[in-house]
Amino acid sequence: MKIAGLLAEMRDIGPKKHRNICFFGFIRYGILKIIIRILSGENKMIFLKYQALGNDYLVIDEASVNDPISVDQARRICHRNFGIGSDGILVFVSSAQNSRFQVKIINPDGSEAEKSGNGLRIFARYLFDRGLVTDRAFKVMTLGGEVTCQILDNGKAVRVNMGSAVFDAKKIPVKGYDNDVLRQHLNIEEQQIEFSAVSMGNPHCVIIKDRISEKEAKALGPLIETYPIFPNRTNVQFVEVMDRANIKLEIWERGAGYTLSSGTSSCAAAAVSCRLGLCDKQITAHMPGGEINILFDDQWGVTMEGSVSKVFEASLANEFFEEIQKRIH
């Protein structure tokens, strides 16, 4: 039997908190786990790759690896020349005690993200593919708080209740401000830039302009990400308001760099556009990777809906881990 098949069978059995199984099921679960370790080697890591509007993530079950993924491993795995290549890693925390489904979101630089809209849609699809959820709404715990997900169109799309957009400076956080951070100014590269800040469970700096470009996002994004007033660094969105129901984005993602799309960035940009009176509460965010539909309630609660698809399933060779400590230049 192929290793991938054994792993799939083991996952279908699953931990007790996911499925009601008998005592013999646990014995079988343990035996299969041992067999996989013998056949695949202690260091072999099995993963699935998904993409959501060009934002790609690897999904790994923590039960399939011996130790937590280190910063060096994350950087190497996500590297598009020396590793698999991805915008991040989603670790299914299957041992979590406080939530049925919990995900750890790791950026390509090895840092941990509080929340990712595209990552959550991908993680929801992963749970659906494993048969752990149906098309009924379910909750997922992240470092940035709990969200509610729902599978649509047999897994081709996912709706996520992302929680509320927060504009308070102390909760984002933004240093040097006491209240909402709207239409303030930064001095970058000898130019004054108007910005607004918002949290979607992670920090965002939204810059609304008449015209936006990939070139500008790549040039100014890293400078704004690390600007001193953002103690946790920040995601950066360059936004062009098309009309009251549509916005266009270029995105610099904290810990990942320029990206084709971002769920939380879309929500943040839409929230600021709506808060400033430039858009209504139902907005479509247009990005190089595709579109996300966003809806706000009266308390700034955000619901996001977008597509997701599975790319492939594979495993990392032992040789990959033998070189994991080498510096990437």
Protein backbone atom coordinates (compact mmCIF):
# COMPACT_ATOMS: atom_id res chain seq x y z
CA MET A 1 0.00 0.00 0.00
CA LYS A 2 1.32 3.46 -0.83
CA ILE A 3 2.42 5.71 2.01
CA ALA A 4 -0.03 8.42 0.99
CA GLY A 5 -2.81 5.85 1.09
CA LEU A 6 -1.80 4.71 4.56
CA LEU A 7 -1.72 8.29 5.74
CA ALA A 8 -5.14 8.98 4.29
CA GLU A 9 -6.51 5.90 6.02
CA MET A 10 -4.95 6.97 9.31
CA ARG A 11 -6.38 10.46 8.96
CA ASP A 12 -9.81 9.07 8.16
CA ILE A 13 -9.71 7.27 11.49
CA GLY A 14 -8.68 10.50 13.18
CA PRO A 15 -8.33 11.46 16.84
CA LYS A 16 -11.24 10.77 19.17
CA LYS A 17 -12.22 14.42 19.39
CA HIS A 18 -12.91 14.42 15.65
CA ARG A 19 -14.70 11.11 15.42
CA ASN A 20 -16.47 8.70 17.74
CA ILE A 21 -14.53 5.49 17.27
CA CYS A 22 -14.07 2.34 19.33
CA PHE A 23 -11.02 1.30 21.32
CA PHE A 24 -9.81 -0.89 18.46
CA GLY A 25 -9.89 2.12 16.19
CA PHE A 26 -7.29 3.79 18.37
CA ILE A 27 -5.12 0.68 18.23
CA ARG A 28 -5.38 0.68 14.44
CA TYR A 29 -4.60 4.41 14.37
CA GLY A 30 -1.40 3.80 16.36
CA ILE A 31 -0.30 0.86 14.23
CA LEU A 32 -0.79 2.78 11.01
CA LYS A 33 1.18 5.69 12.42
CA ILE A 34 4.08 3.39 13.25
CA ILE A 35 3.95 1.80 9.78
CA ILE A 36 4.09 5.21 8.13
CA ARG A 37 7.10 6.23 10.18
CA ILE A 38 8.90 3.01 9.27
CA LEU A 39 8.15 3.28 5.55
CA SER A 40 8.59 7.00 5.12
CA GLY A 41 11.47 7.72 7.50
CA GLU A 42 11.34 9.85 10.63
CA ASN A 43 11.86 13.16 8.84
CA LYS A 44 9.50 12.75 5.91
CA MET A 45 6.79 15.41 5.95
CA ILE A 46 3.54 14.86 4.04
CA PHE A 47 1.66 17.97 2.95
CA LEU A 48 -1.11 19.22 0.68
CA LYS A 49 -0.91 22.35 -1.42
CA TYR A 50 -3.92 24.59 -2.11
CA GLN A 51 -4.34 28.00 -3.70
CA ALA A 52 -6.89 30.74 -3.18
CA LEU A 53 -6.80 33.43 -5.86
CA GLY A 54 -3.09 32.88 -6.45
CA ASN A 55 -2.26 32.90 -2.73
CA ASP A 56 -0.83 29.41 -2.12
CA TYR A 57 -0.42 27.57 1.17
CA LEU A 58 0.90 24.19 2.26
CA VAL A 59 -1.24 22.32 4.79
CA ILE A 60 0.37 19.92 7.27
CA ASP A 61 -1.18 17.91 10.09
CA GLU A 62 0.99 18.28 13.20
CA ALA A 63 0.36 14.58 13.89
CA SER A 64 2.38 13.67 10.78
CA VAL A 65 5.62 15.33 11.95
CA ASN A 66 7.87 14.61 14.93
CA ASP A 67 8.61 18.17 16.00
CA PRO A 68 7.12 21.62 15.42
CA ILE A 69 8.22 23.32 12.21
CA SER A 70 11.19 25.57 12.97
CA VAL A 71 11.80 29.03 11.53
CA ASP A 72 14.63 27.66 9.37
CA GLN A 73 12.43 24.84 8.09
CA ALA A 74 9.57 27.21 7.29
CA ARG A 75 11.85 29.54 5.34
CA ARG A 76 13.37 26.67 3.40
CA ILE A 77 10.05 24.95 2.67
CA CYS A 78 8.41 28.17 1.45
CA HIS A 79 11.40 29.21 -0.69
CA ARG A 80 10.40 29.01 -4.36
CA ASN A 81 13.87 27.92 -5.51
CA PHE A 82 15.27 25.87 -2.64
CA GLY A 83 11.99 24.44 -1.34
CA ILE A 84 8.44 23.74 -2.44
CA GLY A 85 7.45 27.38 -2.66
CA SER A 86 4.40 28.90 -0.98
CA ASP A 87 2.98 32.01 0.66
CA GLY A 88 2.92 30.19 3.98
CA ILE A 89 2.24 26.99 5.91
CA LEU A 90 -1.00 26.03 7.66
CA VAL A 91 -0.49 23.58 10.52
CA PHE A 92 -3.58 21.67 11.63
CA VAL A 93 -3.24 21.64 15.42
CA SER A 94 -5.03 18.32 15.80
CA SER A 95 -3.97 18.06 19.46
CA ALA A 96 -5.72 21.30 20.46
CA GLN A 97 -7.82 21.00 23.60
CA ASN A 98 -9.69 24.32 23.49
CA SER A 99 -11.15 24.03 19.99
CA ARG A 100 -12.20 21.24 17.68
CA PHE A 101 -10.35 22.84 14.77
CA GLN A 102 -7.31 25.03 15.30
CA VAL A 103 -4.78 26.25 12.73
CA LYS A 104 -1.32 27.75 13.14
CA ILE A 105 -0.43 30.11 10.27
CA ILE A 106 3.28 30.38 9.46
CA ASN A 107 4.62 33.09 7.15
CA PRO A 108 7.41 32.42 4.63
CA ASP A 109 9.86 34.23 6.93
CA GLY A 110 9.03 31.80 9.74
CA SER A 111 6.95 34.22 11.80
CA GLU A 112 3.44 33.31 12.94
CA ALA A 113 0.46 35.24 11.57
CA GLU A 114 -2.60 35.96 13.68
CA LYS A 115 -5.06 35.41 10.85
CA SER A 116 -5.24 34.86 7.08
CA GLY A 117 -8.46 35.06 5.08
CA ASN A 118 -7.16 33.04 2.15
CA GLY A 119 -5.44 30.68 4.57
CA LEU A 120 -8.69 30.10 6.43
CA ARG A 121 -10.57 29.31 3.24
CA ILE A 122 -7.82 26.86 2.30
CA PHE A 123 -7.84 25.27 5.77
CA ALA A 124 -11.63 24.92 5.63
CA ARG A 125 -11.37 23.19 2.24
CA TYR A 126 -8.67 20.89 3.67
CA LEU A 127 -11.00 19.87 6.51
CA PHE A 128 -13.76 19.28 3.97
CA ASP A 129 -11.48 17.12 1.81
CA ARG A 130 -10.63 15.02 4.86
CA GLY A 131 -14.30 14.51 5.62
CA LEU A 132 -14.07 16.32 8.97
CA VAL A 133 -16.69 18.93 8.04
CA THR A 134 -19.70 19.18 5.76
CA ASP A 135 -21.44 22.19 4.26
CA ARG A 136 -22.70 23.22 7.70
CA ALA A 137 -21.00 26.16 9.42
CA PHE A 138 -18.13 25.31 11.78
CA LYS A 139 -15.64 27.25 13.91
CA VAL A 140 -11.86 27.50 13.55
CA MET A 141 -9.53 28.93 16.18
CA THR A 142 -6.60 31.12 15.08
CA LEU A 143 -4.03 33.17 16.97
CA GLY A 144 -6.15 36.22 16.03
CA GLY A 145 -9.40 34.77 17.37
CA GLU A 146 -12.18 32.38 16.42
CA VAL A 147 -13.89 32.53 13.02
CA THR A 148 -16.84 30.72 11.46
CA CYS A 149 -16.44 28.97 8.10
CA GLN A 150 -18.90 27.40 5.69
CA ILE A 151 -18.17 25.28 2.62
CA LEU A 152 -19.92 26.35 -0.60
CA ASP A 153 -20.28 24.72 -4.02
CA ASN A 154 -18.90 21.36 -2.89
CA GLY A 155 -15.66 22.94 -1.72
CA LYS A 156 -14.97 25.24 -4.65
CA ALA A 157 -15.66 28.29 -2.49
CA VAL A 158 -15.72 29.09 1.23
CA ARG A 159 -17.52 31.75 3.25
CA VAL A 160 -15.79 33.02 6.39
CA ASN A 161 -17.14 35.24 9.15
CA MET A 162 -13.89 37.03 9.91
CA GLY A 163 -14.92 38.80 13.10
CA SER A 164 -15.06 42.58 13.38
CA ALA A 165 -12.90 45.28 11.85
CA VAL A 166 -11.29 47.29 14.66
CA PHE A 167 -10.06 50.87 14.16
CA ASP A 168 -8.83 51.61 17.69
CA ALA A 169 -5.09 52.41 17.70
CA LYS A 170 -4.30 50.46 20.86
CA LYS A 171 -5.94 47.29 19.57
CA ILE A 172 -4.34 47.34 16.10
CA PRO A 173 -1.75 48.39 17.46
CA VAL A 174 -0.36 51.73 16.23
CA LYS A 175 2.01 53.69 18.45
CA GLY A 176 1.48 57.41 19.02
CA TYR A 177 -2.30 57.41 18.54
CA ASP A 178 -5.11 57.13 21.11
CA ASN A 179 -8.28 56.77 19.03
CA ASP A 180 -9.22 55.58 15.55
CA VAL A 181 -6.41 55.89 13.03
CA LEU A 182 -8.03 57.43 9.97
CA ARG A 183 -6.55 59.77 7.35
CA GLN A 184 -3.23 60.14 9.15
CA HIS A 185 0.17 60.67 7.50
CA LEU A 186 3.52 58.89 7.14
CA ASN A 187 6.73 60.32 5.74
CA ILE A 188 8.26 57.72 3.42
CA GLU A 189 11.00 58.31 0.86
CA GLU A 190 10.59 62.09 1.09
CA GLN A 191 6.87 61.91 0.41
CA GLN A 192 3.89 62.27 2.71
CA ILE A 193 1.47 59.37 2.47
CA GLU A 194 -2.07 59.42 3.83
CA PHE A 195 -3.03 56.16 5.56
CA SER A 196 -5.66 54.58 7.76
CA ALA A 197 -5.11 51.61 10.06
CA VAL A 198 -7.40 48.73 10.99
CA SER A 199 -7.16 45.31 12.59
CA MET A 200 -8.80 42.18 11.24
CA GLY A 201 -7.19 40.18 14.03
CA ASN A 202 -3.90 41.24 12.40
CA PRO A 203 -2.65 44.79 11.64
CA HIS A 204 -3.26 46.59 8.35
CA CYS A 205 -2.18 49.92 6.89
CA VAL A 206 -4.55 51.04 4.12
CA ILE A 207 -3.46 53.65 1.58
CA ILE A 208 -6.16 54.97 -0.78
CA LYS A 209 -4.93 56.53 -4.01
CA ASP A 210 -6.31 57.62 -7.37
CA ARG A 211 -4.07 55.08 -9.13
CA ILE A 212 -2.19 52.07 -7.77
CA SER A 213 0.52 49.85 -9.20
CA GLU A 214 2.48 46.69 -8.45
CA LYS A 215 5.70 48.68 -8.73
CA GLU A 216 4.66 51.09 -5.97
CA ALA A 217 3.47 48.26 -3.72
CA LYS A 218 6.84 46.52 -4.04
CA ALA A 219 8.78 49.75 -3.49
CA LEU A 220 6.87 51.22 -0.54
CA GLY A 221 5.38 48.06 0.98
CA PRO A 222 8.50 46.85 2.82
CA LEU A 223 9.24 50.35 4.14
CA ILE A 224 5.73 50.76 5.55
CA GLU A 225 5.63 47.18 6.91
CA THR A 226 8.50 47.97 9.25
CA TYR A 227 7.65 51.63 9.98
CA PRO A 228 8.30 52.34 13.70
CA ILE A 229 4.68 53.16 14.61
CA PHE A 230 3.70 49.53 13.89
CA PRO A 231 5.23 47.52 16.77
CA ASN A 232 4.11 44.18 15.28
CA ARG A 233 4.88 45.29 11.71
CA THR A 234 1.89 45.61 9.38
CA ASN A 235 0.26 44.39 6.20
CA VAL A 236 0.00 47.13 3.59
CA GLN A 237 -2.77 47.70 1.03
CA PHE A 238 -2.74 50.19 -1.81
CA VAL A 239 -6.37 50.79 -2.73
CA GLU A 240 -8.11 52.34 -5.71
CA VAL A 241 -11.84 52.94 -5.21
CA MET A 242 -13.57 52.06 -8.48
CA ASP A 243 -17.12 52.84 -7.35
CA ARG A 244 -19.25 52.36 -4.23
CA ALA A 245 -19.28 48.59 -4.64
CA ASN A 246 -15.82 47.83 -6.03
CA ILE A 247 -12.23 48.43 -4.98
CA LYS A 248 -8.92 47.46 -6.58
CA LEU A 249 -5.92 46.37 -4.49
CA GLU A 250 -2.17 45.89 -4.63
CA ILE A 251 -0.87 44.13 -1.52
CA TRP A 252 2.34 43.90 0.44
CA GLU A 253 1.87 41.17 3.04
CA ARG A 254 3.73 41.19 6.33
CA GLY A 255 6.21 38.33 6.41
CA ALA A 256 5.43 37.29 2.84
CA GLY A 257 6.03 40.29 0.58
CA TYR A 258 4.12 41.16 -2.58
CA THR A 259 1.17 38.82 -3.05
CA LEU A 260 -1.51 38.32 -5.69
CA SER A 261 -4.34 38.31 -3.16
CA SER A 262 -5.11 38.37 0.54
CA GLY A 263 -8.34 37.74 2.39
CA THR A 264 -7.66 39.86 5.47
CA SER A 265 -6.16 42.61 3.31
CA SER A 266 -9.33 42.66 1.20
CA CYS A 267 -11.45 42.93 4.33
CA ALA A 268 -9.23 45.67 5.79
CA ALA A 269 -9.23 47.71 2.58
CA ALA A 270 -13.00 47.36 2.24
CA ALA A 271 -13.51 48.30 5.91
CA VAL A 272 -11.53 51.53 5.57
CA SER A 273 -13.20 52.39 2.25
CA CYS A 274 -16.59 51.90 3.88
CA ARG A 275 -15.67 53.72 7.10
CA LEU A 276 -14.47 56.75 5.13
CA GLY A 277 -17.78 56.86 3.25
CA LEU A 278 -16.29 55.91 -0.10
CA CYS A 279 -18.11 52.57 -0.45
CA ASP A 280 -21.26 50.85 0.71
CA LYS A 281 -21.29 47.77 2.95
CA GLN A 282 -21.30 45.20 0.14
CA ILE A 283 -17.98 45.34 -1.71
CA THR A 284 -16.06 43.27 -4.25
CA ALA A 285 -12.28 43.46 -3.86
CA HIS A 286 -10.42 43.06 -7.16
CA MET A 287 -6.82 41.82 -6.96
CA PRO A 288 -4.31 40.45 -9.49
CA GLY A 289 -5.23 36.93 -8.32
CA GLY A 290 -9.00 37.35 -8.48
CA GLU A 291 -12.01 38.66 -6.56
CA ILE A 292 -13.34 38.37 -3.02
CA ASN A 293 -16.86 39.38 -2.00
CA ILE A 294 -17.17 41.20 1.32
CA LEU A 295 -20.19 42.18 3.41
CA PHE A 296 -20.30 44.28 6.62
CA ASP A 297 -22.97 44.30 9.30
CA ASP A 298 -23.86 47.29 11.48
CA GLN A 299 -21.19 46.37 14.07
CA TRP A 300 -18.39 46.12 11.46
CA GLY A 301 -18.61 42.35 11.46
CA VAL A 302 -17.06 41.08 8.21
CA THR A 303 -18.15 38.17 6.04
CA MET A 304 -15.83 37.17 3.22
CA GLU A 305 -16.46 34.75 0.35
CA GLY A 306 -14.01 33.49 -2.26
CA SER A 307 -12.78 30.51 -4.24
CA VAL A 308 -10.21 27.85 -3.32
CA SER A 309 -8.75 24.81 -5.09
CA LYS A 310 -6.46 21.88 -4.31
CA VAL A 311 -3.17 21.75 -6.23
CA PHE A 312 -1.41 18.54 -5.15
CA GLU A 313 -0.38 16.23 -2.31
CA ALA A 314 3.22 15.09 -1.82
CA SER A 315 6.00 14.55 0.71
CA LEU A 316 9.38 16.11 1.36
CA ALA A 317 12.42 13.88 0.83
CA ASN A 318 14.78 13.12 3.72
CA GLU A 319 17.59 14.77 1.77
CA PHE A 320 15.73 18.06 2.01
CA PHE A 321 16.02 18.02 5.80
CA GLU A 322 19.70 17.08 5.70
CA GLU A 323 20.40 20.48 4.14
CA ILE A 324 17.83 22.45 6.13
CA GLN A 325 20.43 24.31 8.18
CA LYS A 326 22.25 25.76 5.16
CA ARG A 327 21.85 29.50 4.73
CA ILE A 328 19.83 30.59 1.69
CA HIS A 329 21.35 33.51 -0.15
